[in-house]
C-alpha atoms as a PDB file:
ATOM      1  CA  MET A   1       0.110  -0.088   0.009  1.00  0.00           C
ATOM      2  CA  THR A   2       1.180   3.421  -0.840  1.00  0.00           C
ATOM      3  CA  ALA A   3       0.450   6.518   0.987  1.00  0.00           C
ATOM      4  CA  LEU A   4      -2.197   8.447  -0.510  1.00  0.00           C
ATOM      5  CA  SER A   5      -1.449  12.223  -1.345  1.00  0.00           C
ATOM      6  CA  TRP A   6      -4.814  14.050  -1.535  1.00  0.00           C
ATOM      7  CA  ASP A   7      -5.294  17.191  -3.452  1.00  0.00           C
ATOM      8  CA  TYR A   8      -6.697  19.098  -0.351  1.00  0.00           C
ATOM      9  CA  PRO A   9      -6.448  18.963   3.300  1.00  0.00           C
ATOM     10  CA  SER A  10      -8.835  16.878   5.371  1.00  0.00           C
ATOM     11  CA  PRO A  11     -10.808  14.739   3.059  1.00  0.00           C
ATOM     12  CA  TYR A  12     -14.161  12.911   4.011  1.00  0.00           C
ATOM     13  CA  LEU A  13     -13.294   9.322   2.848  1.00  0.00           C
ATOM     14  CA  VAL A  14     -15.060   6.464   1.623  1.00  0.00           C
ATOM     15  CA  ASP A  15     -13.328   2.925   0.837  1.00  0.00           C
ATOM     16  CA  LEU A  16     -14.764   1.187  -2.378  1.00  0.00           C
ATOM     17  CA  LEU A  17     -14.310  -2.463  -3.485  1.00  0.00           C
ATOM     18  CA  VAL A  18     -14.856  -2.808  -7.418  1.00  0.00           C
ATOM     19  CA  GLY A  19     -17.151  -5.686  -8.119  1.00  0.00           C
ATOM     20  CA  ALA A  20     -18.217  -7.546 -11.047  1.00  0.00           C
ATOM     21  CA  GLU A  21     -21.279  -5.382 -11.468  1.00  0.00           C
ATOM     22  CA  HIS A  22     -19.153  -2.341 -11.810  1.00  0.00           C
ATOM     23  CA  ILE A  23     -17.439  -3.640 -14.885  1.00  0.00           C
ATOM     24  CA  ASP A  24     -18.248  -2.580 -18.259  1.00  0.00           C
ATOM     25  CA  HIS A  25     -17.689  -4.585 -21.808  1.00  0.00           C
ATOM     26  CA  TYR A  26     -13.996  -3.090 -22.006  1.00  0.00           C
ATOM     27  CA  GLY A  27     -13.170  -5.097 -18.795  1.00  0.00           C
ATOM     28  CA  HIS A  28     -12.800  -1.848 -16.216  1.00  0.00           C
ATOM     29  CA  VAL A  29     -15.093   0.307 -14.482  1.00  0.00           C
ATOM     30  CA  ASN A  30     -17.699   1.705 -16.350  1.00  0.00           C
ATOM     31  CA  ASN A  31     -18.107   5.425 -16.306  1.00  0.00           C
ATOM     32  CA  CYS A  32     -21.469   5.630 -14.960  1.00  0.00           C
ATOM     33  CA  GLU A  33     -20.050   3.718 -11.718  1.00  0.00           C
ATOM     34  CA  TYR A  34     -17.889   6.868 -11.070  1.00  0.00           C
ATOM     35  CA  ILE A  35     -20.930   9.190 -11.088  1.00  0.00           C
ATOM     36  CA  ARG A  36     -22.728   6.759  -8.750  1.00  0.00           C
ATOM     37  CA  TRP A  37     -19.437   6.684  -6.553  1.00  0.00           C
ATOM     38  CA  LEU A  38     -19.591  10.451  -6.582  1.00  0.00           C
ATOM     39  CA  GLU A  39     -23.376  10.439  -5.021  1.00  0.00           C
ATOM     40  CA  VAL A  40     -22.376   7.744  -2.516  1.00  0.00           C
ATOM     41  CA  VAL A  41     -19.511   9.673  -0.906  1.00  0.00           C
ATOM     42  CA  ALA A  42     -21.451  13.058  -1.271  1.00  0.00           C
ATOM     43  CA  TRP A  43     -24.534  11.811   0.742  1.00  0.00           C
ATOM     44  CA  GLN A  44     -22.149   9.845   3.317  1.00  0.00           C
ATOM     45  CA  HIS A  45     -20.332  13.095   3.858  1.00  0.00           C
ATOM     46  CA  SER A  46     -23.830  14.881   4.034  1.00  0.00           C
ATOM     47  CA  ASN A  47     -25.057  12.469   6.930  1.00  0.00           C
ATOM     48  CA  PHE A  48     -21.690  13.000   8.642  1.00  0.00           C
ATOM     49  CA  LEU A  49     -22.267  16.799   8.882  1.00  0.00           C
ATOM     50  CA  GLY A  50     -25.993  15.853  10.226  1.00  0.00           C
ATOM     51  CA  LEU A  51     -27.668  16.807   6.848  1.00  0.00           C
ATOM     52  CA  SER A  52     -29.400  13.513   6.098  1.00  0.00           C
ATOM     53  CA  LEU A  53     -32.269  12.902   3.555  1.00  0.00           C
ATOM     54  CA  GLU A  54     -34.561  13.021   6.450  1.00  0.00           C
ATOM     55  CA  ARG A  55     -33.521  16.601   7.613  1.00  0.00           C
ATOM     56  CA  TYR A  56     -33.684  17.738   4.102  1.00  0.00           C
ATOM     57  CA  ARG A  57     -37.233  16.624   3.853  1.00  0.00           C
ATOM     58  CA  GLU A  58     -37.987  18.325   7.372  1.00  0.00           C
ATOM     59  CA  LEU A  59     -36.383  21.587   6.068  1.00  0.00           C
ATOM     60  CA  ASP A  60     -38.362  20.934   2.304  1.00  0.00           C
ATOM     61  CA  ARG A  61     -34.878  21.601   0.871  1.00  0.00           C
ATOM     62  CA  GLY A  62     -32.106  19.803  -0.831  1.00  0.00           C
ATOM     63  CA  MET A  63     -29.011  20.228  -2.940  1.00  0.00           C
ATOM     64  CA  VAL A  64     -29.463  18.829  -6.179  1.00  0.00           C
ATOM     65  CA  VAL A  65     -27.120  18.222  -9.124  1.00  0.00           C
ATOM     66  CA  HIS A  66     -26.541  21.177 -11.543  1.00  0.00           C
ATOM     67  CA  ARG A  67     -23.177  20.017 -13.315  1.00  0.00           C
ATOM     68  CA  HIS A  68     -20.739  17.282 -13.279  1.00  0.00           C
ATOM     69  CA  GLU A  69     -17.349  17.574 -14.380  1.00  0.00           C
ATOM     70  CA  VAL A  70     -15.271  14.371 -14.322  1.00  0.00           C
ATOM     71  CA  ASP A  71     -11.967  13.727 -15.371  1.00  0.00           C
ATOM     72  CA  TYR A  72     -11.031   9.918 -15.844  1.00  0.00           C
ATOM     73  CA  LEU A  73      -7.603   9.709 -15.686  1.00  0.00           C
ATOM     74  CA  VAL A  74      -6.879   5.763 -15.240  1.00  0.00           C
ATOM     75  CA  PRO A  75      -9.048   2.820 -15.309  1.00  0.00           C
ATOM     76  CA  ALA A  76     -10.273   0.501 -12.306  1.00  0.00           C
ATOM     77  CA  PHE A  77     -10.550  -3.122 -12.304  1.00  0.00           C
ATOM     78  CA  GLU A  78     -12.836  -5.757 -10.613  1.00  0.00           C
ATOM     79  CA  ARG A  79     -11.484  -6.615  -6.970  1.00  0.00           C
ATOM     80  CA  GLU A  80      -9.338  -3.646  -6.628  1.00  0.00           C
ATOM     81  CA  GLN A  81      -9.736  -1.412  -3.490  1.00  0.00           C
ATOM     82  CA  LEU A  82     -10.278   2.201  -4.045  1.00  0.00           C
ATOM     83  CA  GLN A  83     -10.853   5.053  -1.757  1.00  0.00           C
ATOM     84  CA  ILE A  84     -12.669   8.328  -2.841  1.00  0.00           C
ATOM     85  CA  ALA A  85     -12.487  11.580  -0.977  1.00  0.00           C
ATOM     86  CA  THR A  86     -14.572  14.630  -1.254  1.00  0.00           C
ATOM     87  CA  TRP A  87     -14.716  18.314  -0.056  1.00  0.00           C
ATOM     88  CA  VAL A  88     -16.996  20.928   0.096  1.00  0.00           C
ATOM     89  CA  ALA A  89     -14.878  23.578  -2.242  1.00  0.00           C
ATOM     90  CA  SER A  90     -17.204  26.567  -1.639  1.00  0.00           C
ATOM     91  CA  CYS A  91     -20.758  27.347  -0.147  1.00  0.00           C
ATOM     92  CA  ASP A  92     -22.106  30.560  -1.315  1.00  0.00           C
ATOM     93  CA  ALA A  93     -24.620  30.551   1.722  1.00  0.00           C
ATOM     94  CA  LYS A  94     -27.227  31.362  -0.921  1.00  0.00           C
ATOM     95  CA  LEU A  95     -28.015  29.100  -3.221  1.00  0.00           C
ATOM     96  CA  THR A  96     -25.223  27.009  -4.588  1.00  0.00           C
ATOM     97  CA  LEU A  97     -22.308  24.723  -3.379  1.00  0.00           C
ATOM     98  CA  GLU A  98     -19.533  23.212  -5.342  1.00  0.00           C
ATOM     99  CA  ARG A  99     -17.664  19.736  -4.061  1.00  0.00           C
ATOM    100  CA  TYR A 100     -14.215  18.278  -5.446  1.00  0.00           C
ATOM    101  CA  PHE A 101     -13.827  14.480  -5.629  1.00  0.00           C
ATOM    102  CA  GLN A 102     -10.719  12.536  -5.763  1.00  0.00           C
ATOM    103  CA  LEU A 103     -10.442   8.693  -6.469  1.00  0.00           C
ATOM    104  CA  GLN A 104      -7.116   6.904  -5.650  1.00  0.00           C
ATOM    105  CA  ARG A 105      -6.146   3.249  -5.658  1.00  0.00           C
ATOM    106  CA  PRO A 106      -4.059   2.494  -2.233  1.00  0.00           C
ATOM    107  CA  SER A 107      -2.091  -0.491  -4.061  1.00  0.00           C
ATOM    108  CA  ASP A 108       0.077   2.208  -6.053  1.00  0.00           C
ATOM    109  CA  GLY A 109      -1.142   5.593  -5.238  1.00  0.00           C
ATOM    110  CA  LEU A 110      -2.582   6.737  -8.356  1.00  0.00           C
ATOM    111  CA  THR A 111      -5.471   9.078  -8.692  1.00  0.00           C
ATOM    112  CA  LEU A 112      -7.848   7.410 -11.373  1.00  0.00           C
ATOM    113  CA  MET A 113     -10.402  10.200 -11.584  1.00  0.00           C
ATOM    114  CA  ARG A 114     -11.245  14.043 -10.284  1.00  0.00           C
ATOM    115  CA  ALA A 115     -14.511  15.639 -10.430  1.00  0.00           C
ATOM    116  CA  ARG A 116     -16.376  18.547  -9.371  1.00  0.00           C
ATOM    117  CA  THR A 117     -20.058  18.865  -8.806  1.00  0.00           C
ATOM    118  CA  ARG A 118     -22.221  22.002  -8.587  1.00  0.00           C
ATOM    119  CA  PHE A 119     -25.013  21.789  -6.587  1.00  0.00           C
ATOM    120  CA  ILE A 120     -28.380  24.124  -6.342  1.00  0.00           C
ATOM    121  CA  CYS A 121     -30.692  24.378  -3.288  1.00  0.00           C
ATOM    122  CA  VAL A 122     -34.211  23.607  -4.235  1.00  0.00           C
ATOM    123  CA  GLN A 123     -37.234  23.579  -2.482  1.00  0.00           C
ATOM    124  CA  LEU A 124     -38.353  19.790  -2.461  1.00  0.00           C
ATOM    125  CA  SER A 125     -41.936  20.043  -2.485  1.00  0.00           C
ATOM    126  CA  ASN A 126     -41.942  22.002  -5.718  1.00  0.00           C
ATOM    127  CA  GLY A 127     -38.359  21.506  -7.303  1.00  0.00           C
ATOM    128  CA  LYS A 128     -38.123  25.435  -7.138  1.00  0.00           C
ATOM    129  CA  PRO A 129     -34.310  26.981  -6.843  1.00  0.00           C
ATOM    130  CA  ARG A 130     -34.667  28.424  -2.953  1.00  0.00           C
ATOM    131  CA  ARG A 131     -32.135  29.866  -0.653  1.00  0.00           C
ATOM    132  CA  MET A 132     -30.298  27.673   1.730  1.00  0.00           C
ATOM    133  CA  PRO A 133     -31.506  26.947   4.965  1.00  0.00           C
ATOM    134  CA  ARG A 134     -29.285  28.044   7.990  1.00  0.00           C
ATOM    135  CA  GLU A 135     -28.578  24.530   8.768  1.00  0.00           C
ATOM    136  CA  PHE A 136     -26.908  24.077   5.023  1.00  0.00           C
ATOM    137  CA  VAL A 137     -25.018  27.391   5.476  1.00  0.00           C
ATOM    138  CA  GLU A 138     -23.502  26.254   8.799  1.00  0.00           C
ATOM    139  CA  GLY A 139     -22.930  22.526   8.074  1.00  0.00           C
ATOM    140  CA  TYR A 140     -21.715  22.898   4.493  1.00  0.00           C
ATOM    141  CA  GLY A 141     -20.346  26.331   4.748  1.00  0.00           C
ATOM    142  CA  GLY A 142     -18.441  25.412   7.822  1.00  0.00           C
ATOM    143  CA  VAL A 143     -16.332  22.773   6.022  1.00  0.00           C
ATOM    144  CA  ALA A 144     -15.847  24.461   2.771  1.00  0.00           C
ATOM    145  CA  LEU A 145     -12.168  24.822   1.858  1.00  0.00           C
ATOM    146  CA  SER A 146     -12.942  28.443   1.100  1.00  0.00           C
ATOM    147  CA  ALA A 147     -14.037  29.282   4.262  1.00  0.00           C
ATOM    148  CA  ILE A 148     -11.116  27.348   5.538  1.00  0.00           C
ATOM    149  CA  SER A 149      -8.600  29.248   3.818  1.00  0.00           C
ATOM    150  CA  ALA A 150     -10.315  32.150   4.512  1.00  0.00           C
ATOM    151  CA  ASP A 151      -9.848  31.460   8.174  1.00  0.00           C
ATOM    152  CA  LEU A 152      -5.801  30.694   7.465  1.00  0.00           C
ATOM    153  CA  SER A 153      -5.120  34.165   5.983  1.00  0.00           C
ATOM    154  CA  PRO A 154      -3.285  36.765   7.595  1.00  0.00           C
END
């Protein structure tokens, strides 16, 4: 196992095991699986921050994907152990937040994928964009890289 080098400090991490169901007709992980893994780690991180689906429903607010950007760098194969990281990159405290993602293979330390996702806050009952509730601003904004780097400035 190689020590992993993450792009940003303090990642939220999830371990993954590539199964046969993740493999496409080219013999490596299907690109759609990477998108699914982005969702898995984002939800686990949100839950860790106290922002579960149940809390979203209570607040009648949710963060929905507006845009994904994914760079597929190196393929992954069946039975490989992987680790995916996420960070809240920025939270405007109004309508949007952005997450960064990085997928690595611990056996050789290679980064297999990098991604960023832009989310927009919507009212769940009607799907229309709405201002973030205080809990979102505090939860997501409190761990945002932009807030952390601002706190570190002189």
